[in-house]
Amino acid sequence: MAEYKNVKDMSFKEASLELNSIVHSLENGDLELEESLEMYGRGVELLKDLHNRLDKAEQQVAVILADENTMLDVPGFNPSEDIQF
């Protein structure tokens, strides 16, 4: 069994890069069954953590956006004119 870094100690980028590497390894199909199962389990662990982090970030953005006064009270800032997509 391979030793993995604790997911909670990884940055979002580190976790997503490891997940990407696992996906490529599994798609390649050159792994033994046991190694594939181990990597799949690690991928699920990473994916769950990444989803949780994204959910938390989304909640933080919602809180920021819910506070309309934050943007509207900044002198010289007009969201409809200053934000371009």
C-alpha atoms as a PDB file:
ATOM      1  CA  MET A   1       0.000   0.000   0.000  1.00  0.00           C
ATOM      2  CA  ALA A   2       1.413   3.360  -1.025  1.00  0.00           C
ATOM      3  CA  GLU A   3       1.840   6.144   1.493  1.00  0.00           C
ATOM      4  CA  TYR A   4      -0.117   9.241   0.667  1.00  0.00           C
ATOM      5  CA  LYS A   5       0.043  12.731   2.073  1.00  0.00           C
ATOM      6  CA  ASN A   6      -2.922  13.597   4.291  1.00  0.00           C
ATOM      7  CA  VAL A   7      -5.506  15.290   2.061  1.00  0.00           C
ATOM      8  CA  LYS A   8      -6.168  17.952   4.713  1.00  0.00           C
ATOM      9  CA  ASP A   9      -2.476  18.939   4.571  1.00  0.00           C
ATOM     10  CA  MET A  10      -2.574  19.449   0.809  1.00  0.00           C
ATOM     11  CA  SER A  11      -3.372  22.643  -1.027  1.00  0.00           C
ATOM     12  CA  PHE A  12      -6.308  22.613  -3.412  1.00  0.00           C
ATOM     13  CA  LYS A  13      -3.891  22.619  -6.317  1.00  0.00           C
ATOM     14  CA  GLU A  14      -1.843  19.724  -4.922  1.00  0.00           C
ATOM     15  CA  ALA A  15      -4.960  17.628  -4.378  1.00  0.00           C
ATOM     16  CA  SER A  16      -6.348  18.374  -7.830  1.00  0.00           C
ATOM     17  CA  LEU A  17      -3.019  17.552  -9.499  1.00  0.00           C
ATOM     18  CA  GLU A  18      -2.816  14.245  -7.643  1.00  0.00           C
ATOM     19  CA  LEU A  19      -6.399  13.440  -8.627  1.00  0.00           C
ATOM     20  CA  ASN A  20      -5.598  14.247 -12.246  1.00  0.00           C
ATOM     21  CA  SER A  21      -2.573  11.956 -12.107  1.00  0.00           C
ATOM     22  CA  ILE A  22      -4.697   9.148 -10.662  1.00  0.00           C
ATOM     23  CA  VAL A  23      -7.313   9.554 -13.381  1.00  0.00           C
ATOM     24  CA  HIS A  24      -4.647   9.342 -16.086  1.00  0.00           C
ATOM     25  CA  SER A  25      -3.108   6.250 -14.481  1.00  0.00           C
ATOM     26  CA  LEU A  26      -6.474   4.519 -14.245  1.00  0.00           C
ATOM     27  CA  GLU A  27      -7.407   5.452 -17.803  1.00  0.00           C
ATOM     28  CA  ASN A  28      -4.102   4.069 -19.060  1.00  0.00           C
ATOM     29  CA  GLY A  29      -5.114   0.624 -17.819  1.00  0.00           C
ATOM     30  CA  ASP A  30      -1.601  -0.685 -17.127  1.00  0.00           C
ATOM     31  CA  LEU A  31      -2.090  -1.114 -13.367  1.00  0.00           C
ATOM     32  CA  GLU A  32      -2.680  -4.326 -11.477  1.00  0.00           C
ATOM     33  CA  LEU A  33      -6.177  -4.743 -10.063  1.00  0.00           C
ATOM     34  CA  GLU A  34      -5.080  -4.152  -6.459  1.00  0.00           C
ATOM     35  CA  GLU A  35      -3.196  -0.977  -7.356  1.00  0.00           C
ATOM     36  CA  SER A  36      -6.145   0.247  -9.415  1.00  0.00           C
ATOM     37  CA  LEU A  37      -8.496  -0.274  -6.467  1.00  0.00           C
ATOM     38  CA  GLU A  38      -6.120   1.523  -4.111  1.00  0.00           C
ATOM     39  CA  MET A  39      -5.727   4.453  -6.489  1.00  0.00           C
ATOM     40  CA  TYR A  40      -9.469   4.585  -7.090  1.00  0.00           C
ATOM     41  CA  GLY A  41     -10.070   4.815  -3.336  1.00  0.00           C
ATOM     42  CA  ARG A  42      -7.502   7.602  -3.043  1.00  0.00           C
ATOM     43  CA  GLY A  43      -9.150   9.395  -5.958  1.00  0.00           C
ATOM     44  CA  VAL A  44     -12.542   9.227  -4.251  1.00  0.00           C
ATOM     45  CA  GLU A  45     -10.985  10.622  -1.060  1.00  0.00           C
ATOM     46  CA  LEU A  46      -9.407  13.502  -2.987  1.00  0.00           C
ATOM     47  CA  LEU A  47     -12.571  14.193  -4.946  1.00  0.00           C
ATOM     48  CA  LYS A  48     -14.731  14.381  -1.814  1.00  0.00           C
ATOM     49  CA  ASP A  49     -12.304  16.795  -0.181  1.00  0.00           C
ATOM     50  CA  LEU A  50     -12.070  18.968  -3.299  1.00  0.00           C
ATOM     51  CA  HIS A  51     -15.876  19.114  -3.544  1.00  0.00           C
ATOM     52  CA  ASN A  52     -16.091  20.129   0.120  1.00  0.00           C
ATOM     53  CA  ARG A  53     -13.541  22.891  -0.421  1.00  0.00           C
ATOM     54  CA  LEU A  54     -15.418  24.164  -3.465  1.00  0.00           C
ATOM     55  CA  ASP A  55     -18.707  24.126  -1.526  1.00  0.00           C
ATOM     56  CA  LYS A  56     -17.104  26.177   1.257  1.00  0.00           C
ATOM     57  CA  ALA A  57     -15.663  28.645  -1.250  1.00  0.00           C
ATOM     58  CA  GLU A  58     -19.061  28.961  -2.913  1.00  0.00           C
ATOM     59  CA  GLN A  59     -20.661  29.701   0.462  1.00  0.00           C
ATOM     60  CA  GLN A  60     -18.036  32.367   1.163  1.00  0.00           C
ATOM     61  CA  VAL A  61     -18.719  34.008  -2.197  1.00  0.00           C
ATOM     62  CA  ALA A  62     -22.462  33.906  -1.509  1.00  0.00           C
ATOM     63  CA  VAL A  63     -21.923  35.661   1.828  1.00  0.00           C
ATOM     64  CA  ILE A  64     -19.804  38.328   0.163  1.00  0.00           C
ATOM     65  CA  LEU A  65     -22.347  38.854  -2.599  1.00  0.00           C
ATOM     66  CA  ALA A  66     -25.245  38.887  -0.127  1.00  0.00           C
ATOM     67  CA  ASP A  67     -23.738  41.899   1.568  1.00  0.00           C
ATOM     68  CA  GLU A  68     -24.832  44.378  -1.100  1.00  0.00           C
ATOM     69  CA  ASN A  69     -23.458  47.296   0.876  1.00  0.00           C
ATOM     70  CA  THR A  70     -19.919  46.026   0.453  1.00  0.00           C
ATOM     71  CA  MET A  71     -19.853  46.864  -3.231  1.00  0.00           C
ATOM     72  CA  LEU A  72     -22.451  49.588  -3.400  1.00  0.00           C
ATOM     73  CA  ASP A  73     -20.835  51.838  -0.802  1.00  0.00           C
ATOM     74  CA  VAL A  74     -17.422  52.025  -2.455  1.00  0.00           C
ATOM     75  CA  PRO A  75     -17.009  55.548  -3.857  1.00  0.00           C
ATOM     76  CA  GLY A  76     -16.520  55.551  -7.611  1.00  0.00           C
ATOM     77  CA  PHE A  77     -17.435  51.894  -8.028  1.00  0.00           C
ATOM     78  CA  ASN A  78     -20.363  51.054 -10.264  1.00  0.00           C
ATOM     79  CA  PRO A  79     -20.699  47.266 -10.653  1.00  0.00           C
ATOM     80  CA  SER A  80     -22.645  47.505 -13.898  1.00  0.00           C
ATOM     81  CA  GLU A  81     -19.874  49.598 -15.470  1.00  0.00           C
ATOM     82  CA  ASP A  82     -16.740  48.381 -13.700  1.00  0.00           C
ATOM     83  CA  ILE A  83     -17.155  44.602 -13.973  1.00  0.00           C
ATOM     84  CA  GLN A  84     -16.603  43.114 -17.410  1.00  0.00           C
ATOM     85  CA  PHE A  85     -17.067  39.500 -18.364  1.00  0.00           C
END
